[in-house]
Amino acid sequence: MKLPRLPTLVIALPLLSLTALTRPARAAGKNDPAAEATPDAGRPADKGAATPPGASGANSGNGAGETAPPTAPTIDLAKLRAEYDRLRDELFRARARAELVEEGIYASKLGATLRWKGAPDFILHRAEIRLDGNAIWDSGEKPLVDELIKVSERAIKPGPHTITVKIEVRPGKKGEKEHADLGYASEHTFVVEVPDAQTTIVALTADDDGDLPGYEPEVELELKTEK
């Protein structure tokens, strides 16, 4: 007994599908949209790429490329001292020339004396006499006890002038040790009238009647006029 023949079944697959399965994968090219959309994260930076201005690198901070602060200018003390001495000498010479001119112009003269009467309880540590604001005598660093100081006479224009005496006082040797560092400075200014063609002597007397640590400085002035 023969069995009936079954019909032959043919399955046709799409050619496109087979082609896609058998075609090898193509590397992404330059114009591949997928490659263009891929971010650069993780890509090593180009060593030759320029650093944007103002951007600080990993070695910035105290590196050699950092701008050093400007150096302060040095002061030449010897040069300043020489300039000071030169200006002081010019000032003294100018005053000396002015005095010579005044001697030839004015017949009036002015002199001064200073006596300290506060010793031995108080010592005149330093004293200065100024005429119209200009120093005409200075004791320097030599303490004065009770000697009479004389300032040389000089020609001067007749009329009103100012005489200023400045004193610096310290305790004498007989003072108490607890007051050894005490002291004071006192300045007194007087206006005097210098007559024409006469010599005027300004006699200054300074004293202190106080008790340490209190002070009572006194300065008296007496005018003596001679022809």
C-alpha atoms as a PDB file:
ATOM      1  CA  MET A   1       0.000   0.000   0.000  1.00  0.00           C
ATOM      2  CA  LYS A   2       1.531   3.256  -1.058  1.00  0.00           C
ATOM      3  CA  LEU A   3       1.394   6.286   1.108  1.00  0.00           C
ATOM      4  CA  PRO A   4       0.336   9.538  -0.502  1.00  0.00           C
ATOM      5  CA  ARG A   5       3.207  12.054  -1.250  1.00  0.00           C
ATOM      6  CA  LEU A   6       3.160  15.098   0.865  1.00  0.00           C
ATOM      7  CA  PRO A   7       3.508  18.469  -0.877  1.00  0.00           C
ATOM      8  CA  THR A   8       6.964  20.075  -0.738  1.00  0.00           C
ATOM      9  CA  LEU A   9       7.137  23.169   1.572  1.00  0.00           C
ATOM     10  CA  VAL A  10       9.486  25.883   0.440  1.00  0.00           C
ATOM     11  CA  ILE A  11      10.406  28.681   2.918  1.00  0.00           C
ATOM     12  CA  ALA A  12      11.655  31.844   1.289  1.00  0.00           C
ATOM     13  CA  LEU A  13      13.600  34.142   3.543  1.00  0.00           C
ATOM     14  CA  PRO A  14      13.943  37.848   2.665  1.00  0.00           C
ATOM     15  CA  LEU A  15      17.182  38.584   0.893  1.00  0.00           C
ATOM     16  CA  LEU A  16      17.660  41.794   2.773  1.00  0.00           C
ATOM     17  CA  SER A  17      17.711  40.033   6.093  1.00  0.00           C
ATOM     18  CA  LEU A  18      20.281  37.538   4.925  1.00  0.00           C
ATOM     19  CA  THR A  19      22.437  40.278   3.531  1.00  0.00           C
ATOM     20  CA  ALA A  20      22.365  42.178   6.848  1.00  0.00           C
ATOM     21  CA  LEU A  21      23.326  39.047   8.715  1.00  0.00           C
ATOM     22  CA  THR A  22      26.232  38.142   6.482  1.00  0.00           C
ATOM     23  CA  ARG A  23      27.700  41.712   6.038  1.00  0.00           C
ATOM     24  CA  PRO A  24      30.660  42.479   8.429  1.00  0.00           C
ATOM     25  CA  ALA A  25      30.387  45.416  10.862  1.00  0.00           C
ATOM     26  CA  ARG A  26      31.864  48.648   9.412  1.00  0.00           C
ATOM     27  CA  ALA A  27      34.121  50.817  11.575  1.00  0.00           C
ATOM     28  CA  ALA A  28      32.764  54.207  12.385  1.00  0.00           C
ATOM     29  CA  GLY A  29      34.126  56.699   9.924  1.00  0.00           C
ATOM     30  CA  LYS A  30      34.701  60.391  10.098  1.00  0.00           C
ATOM     31  CA  ASN A  31      31.285  61.177   8.772  1.00  0.00           C
ATOM     32  CA  ASP A  32      29.510  58.723  11.009  1.00  0.00           C
ATOM     33  CA  PRO A  33      26.798  60.664  12.900  1.00  0.00           C
ATOM     34  CA  ALA A  34      27.176  58.354  15.855  1.00  0.00           C
ATOM     35  CA  ALA A  35      30.868  59.148  16.091  1.00  0.00           C
ATOM     36  CA  GLU A  36      30.203  62.874  15.950  1.00  0.00           C
ATOM     37  CA  ALA A  37      27.770  62.647  18.813  1.00  0.00           C
ATOM     38  CA  THR A  38      30.221  60.769  21.017  1.00  0.00           C
ATOM     39  CA  PRO A  39      31.583  63.134  23.787  1.00  0.00           C
ATOM     40  CA  ASP A  40      35.323  63.640  24.379  1.00  0.00           C
ATOM     41  CA  ALA A  41      35.152  62.604  28.020  1.00  0.00           C
ATOM     42  CA  GLY A  42      38.033  60.411  28.946  1.00  0.00           C
ATOM     43  CA  ARG A  43      40.118  61.354  25.874  1.00  0.00           C
ATOM     44  CA  PRO A  44      43.717  62.333  26.855  1.00  0.00           C
ATOM     45  CA  ALA A  45      44.431  66.021  26.351  1.00  0.00           C
ATOM     46  CA  ASP A  46      46.703  67.037  23.560  1.00  0.00           C
ATOM     47  CA  LYS A  47      50.099  67.953  24.992  1.00  0.00           C
ATOM     48  CA  GLY A  48      50.624  70.607  22.373  1.00  0.00           C
ATOM     49  CA  ALA A  49      47.326  72.353  23.005  1.00  0.00           C
ATOM     50  CA  ALA A  50      47.669  75.952  24.257  1.00  0.00           C
ATOM     51  CA  THR A  51      46.423  76.812  27.724  1.00  0.00           C
ATOM     52  CA  PRO A  52      43.725  79.527  27.700  1.00  0.00           C
ATOM     53  CA  PRO A  53      44.801  82.882  29.178  1.00  0.00           C
ATOM     54  CA  GLY A  54      44.124  83.146  32.900  1.00  0.00           C
ATOM     55  CA  ALA A  55      43.832  79.372  33.337  1.00  0.00           C
ATOM     56  CA  SER A  56      46.004  78.028  36.112  1.00  0.00           C
ATOM     57  CA  GLY A  57      47.740  74.726  35.574  1.00  0.00           C
ATOM     58  CA  ALA A  58      48.416  71.958  38.029  1.00  0.00           C
ATOM     59  CA  ASN A  59      51.797  73.457  38.923  1.00  0.00           C
ATOM     60  CA  SER A  60      50.566  77.040  39.343  1.00  0.00           C
ATOM     61  CA  GLY A  61      50.618  78.911  42.632  1.00  0.00           C
ATOM     62  CA  ASN A  62      54.105  79.467  43.964  1.00  0.00           C
ATOM     63  CA  GLY A  63      55.794  78.308  40.771  1.00  0.00           C
ATOM     64  CA  ALA A  64      58.509  80.110  38.864  1.00  0.00           C
ATOM     65  CA  GLY A  65      56.032  81.459  36.330  1.00  0.00           C
ATOM     66  CA  GLU A  66      54.246  83.547  38.944  1.00  0.00           C
ATOM     67  CA  THR A  67      55.044  87.311  38.893  1.00  0.00           C
ATOM     68  CA  ALA A  68      57.241  88.334  41.834  1.00  0.00           C
ATOM     69  CA  PRO A  69      56.132  91.336  43.966  1.00  0.00           C
ATOM     70  CA  PRO A  70      57.968  94.619  43.288  1.00  0.00           C
ATOM     71  CA  THR A  71      61.089  95.150  45.357  1.00  0.00           C
ATOM     72  CA  ALA A  72      61.114  98.214  47.620  1.00  0.00           C
ATOM     73  CA  PRO A  73      63.768 100.767  46.642  1.00  0.00           C
ATOM     74  CA  THR A  74      66.827 100.806  48.857  1.00  0.00           C
ATOM     75  CA  ILE A  75      67.716 103.996  50.739  1.00  0.00           C
ATOM     76  CA  ASP A  76      71.289 105.221  50.568  1.00  0.00           C
ATOM     77  CA  LEU A  77      71.791 106.613  54.079  1.00  0.00           C
ATOM     78  CA  ALA A  78      75.295 107.863  53.325  1.00  0.00           C
ATOM     79  CA  LYS A  79      73.992 109.873  50.380  1.00  0.00           C
ATOM     80  CA  LEU A  80      71.155 111.348  52.442  1.00  0.00           C
ATOM     81  CA  ARG A  81      73.586 112.281  55.206  1.00  0.00           C
ATOM     82  CA  ALA A  82      75.896 114.012  52.740  1.00  0.00           C
ATOM     83  CA  GLU A  83      72.957 115.944  51.268  1.00  0.00           C
ATOM     84  CA  TYR A  84      71.824 116.977  54.761  1.00  0.00           C
ATOM     85  CA  ASP A  85      75.318 118.225  55.654  1.00  0.00           C
ATOM     86  CA  ARG A  86      75.525 120.161  52.393  1.00  0.00           C
ATOM     87  CA  LEU A  87      72.187 121.898  52.950  1.00  0.00           C
ATOM     88  CA  ARG A  88      73.079 122.699  56.560  1.00  0.00           C
ATOM     89  CA  ASP A  89      76.399 124.245  55.526  1.00  0.00           C
ATOM     90  CA  GLU A  90      74.650 126.340  52.883  1.00  0.00           C
ATOM     91  CA  LEU A  91      72.154 127.536  55.491  1.00  0.00           C
ATOM     92  CA  PHE A  92      74.931 128.539  57.906  1.00  0.00           C
ATOM     93  CA  ARG A  93      76.811 130.375  55.177  1.00  0.00           C
ATOM     94  CA  ALA A  94      73.638 132.186  54.127  1.00  0.00           C
ATOM     95  CA  ARG A  95      73.032 133.318  57.714  1.00  0.00           C
ATOM     96  CA  ALA A  96      76.639 134.458  58.032  1.00  0.00           C
ATOM     97  CA  ARG A  97      76.330 136.520  54.852  1.00  0.00           C
ATOM     98  CA  ALA A  98      73.071 138.006  56.104  1.00  0.00           C
ATOM     99  CA  GLU A  99      74.778 139.034  59.357  1.00  0.00           C
ATOM    100  CA  LEU A 100      77.603 140.721  57.440  1.00  0.00           C
ATOM    101  CA  VAL A 101      75.074 142.632  55.349  1.00  0.00           C
ATOM    102  CA  GLU A 102      73.175 143.680  58.459  1.00  0.00           C
ATOM    103  CA  GLU A 103      76.384 144.903  60.105  1.00  0.00           C
ATOM    104  CA  GLY A 104      76.948 147.199  57.169  1.00  0.00           C
ATOM    105  CA  ILE A 105      73.363 148.437  57.090  1.00  0.00           C
ATOM    106  CA  TYR A 106      72.131 148.628  60.700  1.00  0.00           C
ATOM    107  CA  ALA A 107      73.766 150.394  63.619  1.00  0.00           C
ATOM    108  CA  SER A 108      71.559 148.623  66.187  1.00  0.00           C
ATOM    109  CA  LYS A 109      72.888 145.514  67.967  1.00  0.00           C
ATOM    110  CA  LEU A 110      71.345 142.767  70.065  1.00  0.00           C
ATOM    111  CA  GLY A 111      72.967 140.415  72.565  1.00  0.00           C
ATOM    112  CA  ALA A 112      71.674 137.951  75.180  1.00  0.00           C
ATOM    113  CA  THR A 113      72.667 136.225  78.414  1.00  0.00           C
ATOM    114  CA  LEU A 114      71.213 133.196  80.214  1.00  0.00           C
ATOM    115  CA  ARG A 115      71.636 132.152  83.829  1.00  0.00           C
ATOM    116  CA  TRP A 116      70.186 129.038  85.470  1.00  0.00           C
ATOM    117  CA  LYS A 117      69.382 129.345  89.176  1.00  0.00           C
ATOM    118  CA  GLY A 118      67.709 125.988  89.816  1.00  0.00           C
ATOM    119  CA  ALA A 119      70.893 124.071  90.720  1.00  0.00           C
ATOM    120  CA  PRO A 120      71.724 121.855  92.536  1.00  0.00           C
ATOM    121  CA  ASP A 121      68.206 120.440  92.899  1.00  0.00           C
ATOM    122  CA  PHE A 122      67.560 120.846  89.177  1.00  0.00           C
ATOM    123  CA  ILE A 123      70.065 120.742  86.305  1.00  0.00           C
ATOM    124  CA  LEU A 124      69.603 122.500  82.999  1.00  0.00           C
ATOM    125  CA  HIS A 125      70.025 119.489  80.728  1.00  0.00           C
ATOM    126  CA  ARG A 126      69.838 121.555  77.542  1.00  0.00           C
ATOM    127  CA  ALA A 127      69.005 125.123  76.540  1.00  0.00           C
ATOM    128  CA  GLU A 128      68.412 126.996  73.298  1.00  0.00           C
ATOM    129  CA  ILE A 129      67.901 130.677  72.426  1.00  0.00           C
ATOM    130  CA  ARG A 130      66.171 131.716  69.199  1.00  0.00           C
ATOM    131  CA  LEU A 131      65.854 135.141  67.594  1.00  0.00           C
ATOM    132  CA  ASP A 132      62.827 135.561  65.328  1.00  0.00           C
ATOM    133  CA  GLY A 133      62.583 131.773  65.066  1.00  0.00           C
ATOM    134  CA  ASN A 134      66.248 131.166  64.177  1.00  0.00           C
ATOM    135  CA  ALA A 135      68.591 129.505  66.684  1.00  0.00           C
ATOM    136  CA  ILE A 136      71.417 131.820  67.764  1.00  0.00           C
ATOM    137  CA  TRP A 137      72.743 129.674  70.637  1.00  0.00           C
ATOM    138  CA  ASP A 138      72.484 126.038  71.727  1.00  0.00           C
ATOM    139  CA  SER A 139      74.121 124.408  74.741  1.00  0.00           C
ATOM    140  CA  GLY A 140      74.271 121.007  73.050  1.00  0.00           C
ATOM    141  CA  GLU A 141      74.503 117.955  75.306  1.00  0.00           C
ATOM    142  CA  LYS A 142      76.517 119.687  78.047  1.00  0.00           C
ATOM    143  CA  PRO A 143      74.426 120.143  81.230  1.00  0.00           C
ATOM    144  CA  LEU A 144      74.450 123.629  82.782  1.00  0.00           C
ATOM    145  CA  VAL A 145      74.592 124.277  86.507  1.00  0.00           C
ATOM    146  CA  ASP A 146      74.796 127.946  87.422  1.00  0.00           C
ATOM    147  CA  GLU A 147      77.262 129.513  84.961  1.00  0.00           C
ATOM    148  CA  LEU A 148      76.337 132.649  83.026  1.00  0.00           C
ATOM    149  CA  ILE A 149      75.942 132.072  79.302  1.00  0.00           C
ATOM    150  CA  LYS A 150      76.707 134.960  76.945  1.00  0.00           C
ATOM    151  CA  VAL A 151      75.470 135.164  73.373  1.00  0.00           C
ATOM    152  CA  SER A 152      77.583 137.380  71.113  1.00  0.00           C
ATOM    153  CA  GLU A 153      76.111 140.664  69.919  1.00  0.00           C
ATOM    154  CA  ARG A 154      74.916 141.007  66.352  1.00  0.00           C
ATOM    155  CA  ALA A 155      73.652 143.800  64.128  1.00  0.00           C
ATOM    156  CA  ILE A 156      69.916 143.850  63.800  1.00  0.00           C
ATOM    157  CA  LYS A 157      67.176 145.944  62.250  1.00  0.00           C
ATOM    158  CA  PRO A 158      65.604 148.286  64.811  1.00  0.00           C
ATOM    159  CA  GLY A 159      62.032 147.520  65.808  1.00  0.00           C
ATOM    160  CA  PRO A 160      60.141 144.605  67.423  1.00  0.00           C
ATOM    161  CA  HIS A 161      61.737 141.145  67.565  1.00  0.00           C
ATOM    162  CA  THR A 162      60.933 137.850  69.304  1.00  0.00           C
ATOM    163  CA  ILE A 163      63.293 136.139  71.743  1.00  0.00           C
ATOM    164  CA  THR A 164      62.543 132.507  72.602  1.00  0.00           C
ATOM    165  CA  VAL A 165      64.284 130.439  75.289  1.00  0.00           C
ATOM    166  CA  LYS A 166      63.735 126.680  75.499  1.00  0.00           C
ATOM    167  CA  ILE A 167      64.998 124.718  78.496  1.00  0.00           C
ATOM    168  CA  GLU A 168      65.085 120.999  79.331  1.00  0.00           C
ATOM    169  CA  VAL A 169      65.358 120.307  83.076  1.00  0.00           C
ATOM    170  CA  ARG A 170      66.395 117.118  84.918  1.00  0.00           C
ATOM    171  CA  PRO A 171      66.736 116.324  88.642  1.00  0.00           C
ATOM    172  CA  GLY A 172      70.119 117.152  90.191  1.00  0.00           C
ATOM    173  CA  LYS A 173      72.491 114.688  91.816  1.00  0.00           C
ATOM    174  CA  LYS A 174      70.926 115.286  95.213  1.00  0.00           C
ATOM    175  CA  GLY A 175      67.490 114.303  93.974  1.00  0.00           C
ATOM    176  CA  GLU A 176      65.819 111.095  95.073  1.00  0.00           C
ATOM    177  CA  LYS A 177      66.530 107.982  93.006  1.00  0.00           C
ATOM    178  CA  GLU A 178      62.846 107.358  92.380  1.00  0.00           C
ATOM    179  CA  HIS A 179      62.697 110.699  90.544  1.00  0.00           C
ATOM    180  CA  ALA A 180      65.885 110.200  88.521  1.00  0.00           C
ATOM    181  CA  ASP A 181      64.006 109.667  85.253  1.00  0.00           C
ATOM    182  CA  LEU A 182      61.703 112.673  85.643  1.00  0.00           C
ATOM    183  CA  GLY A 183      62.123 115.945  83.809  1.00  0.00           C
ATOM    184  CA  TYR A 184      60.353 118.497  81.654  1.00  0.00           C
ATOM    185  CA  ALA A 185      60.802 120.924  78.761  1.00  0.00           C
ATOM    186  CA  SER A 186      59.604 124.513  78.867  1.00  0.00           C
ATOM    187  CA  GLU A 187      59.550 127.190  76.170  1.00  0.00           C
ATOM    188  CA  HIS A 188      58.994 130.929  76.652  1.00  0.00           C
ATOM    189  CA  THR A 189      58.768 133.655  73.984  1.00  0.00           C
ATOM    190  CA  PHE A 190      59.138 137.405  74.566  1.00  0.00           C
ATOM    191  CA  VAL A 191      58.735 140.388  72.264  1.00  0.00           C
ATOM    192  CA  VAL A 192      61.404 143.080  72.621  1.00  0.00           C
ATOM    193  CA  GLU A 193      61.771 146.489  71.013  1.00  0.00           C
ATOM    194  CA  VAL A 194      65.250 147.228  69.686  1.00  0.00           C
ATOM    195  CA  PRO A 195      65.979 150.988  69.507  1.00  0.00           C
ATOM    196  CA  ASP A 196      67.867 152.522  66.606  1.00  0.00           C
ATOM    197  CA  ALA A 197      71.656 152.928  66.827  1.00  0.00           C
ATOM    198  CA  GLN A 198      71.861 151.320  70.271  1.00  0.00           C
ATOM    199  CA  THR A 199      72.966 147.993  71.776  1.00  0.00           C
ATOM    200  CA  THR A 200      70.300 145.969  73.553  1.00  0.00           C
ATOM    201  CA  ILE A 201      71.167 143.113  75.927  1.00  0.00           C
ATOM    202  CA  VAL A 202      68.421 140.604  76.723  1.00  0.00           C
ATOM    203  CA  ALA A 203      69.146 139.102  80.184  1.00  0.00           C
ATOM    204  CA  LEU A 204      67.282 135.802  80.700  1.00  0.00           C
ATOM    205  CA  THR A 205      67.090 134.165  84.137  1.00  0.00           C
ATOM    206  CA  ALA A 206      65.552 130.690  84.509  1.00  0.00           C
ATOM    207  CA  ASP A 207      64.702 128.969  87.793  1.00  0.00           C
ATOM    208  CA  ASP A 208      62.567 126.210  89.305  1.00  0.00           C
ATOM    209  CA  ASP A 209      61.096 126.549  92.786  1.00  0.00           C
ATOM    210  CA  GLY A 210      59.094 123.314  92.736  1.00  0.00           C
ATOM    211  CA  ASP A 211      59.634 120.030  94.578  1.00  0.00           C
ATOM    212  CA  LEU A 212      59.891 116.720  92.735  1.00  0.00           C
ATOM    213  CA  PRO A 213      57.856 115.356  91.128  1.00  0.00           C
ATOM    214  CA  GLY A 214      56.130 118.745  90.756  1.00  0.00           C
ATOM    215  CA  TYR A 215      57.722 121.564  88.746  1.00  0.00           C
ATOM    216  CA  GLU A 216      57.327 125.345  88.777  1.00  0.00           C
ATOM    217  CA  PRO A 217      59.526 126.692  85.950  1.00  0.00           C
ATOM    218  CA  GLU A 218      60.095 130.438  85.845  1.00  0.00           C
ATOM    219  CA  VAL A 219      61.840 132.534  83.177  1.00  0.00           C
ATOM    220  CA  GLU A 220      62.387 136.248  83.662  1.00  0.00           C
ATOM    221  CA  LEU A 221      63.608 138.774  81.102  1.00  0.00           C
ATOM    222  CA  GLU A 222      65.404 142.080  81.684  1.00  0.00           C
ATOM    223  CA  LEU A 223      66.446 144.551  78.989  1.00  0.00           C
ATOM    224  CA  LYS A 224      69.607 146.592  79.173  1.00  0.00           C
ATOM    225  CA  THR A 225      70.213 149.288  76.572  1.00  0.00           C
ATOM    226  CA  GLU A 226      73.564 150.946  75.866  1.00  0.00           C
ATOM    227  CA  LYS A 227      74.655 153.516  73.317  1.00  0.00           C
END
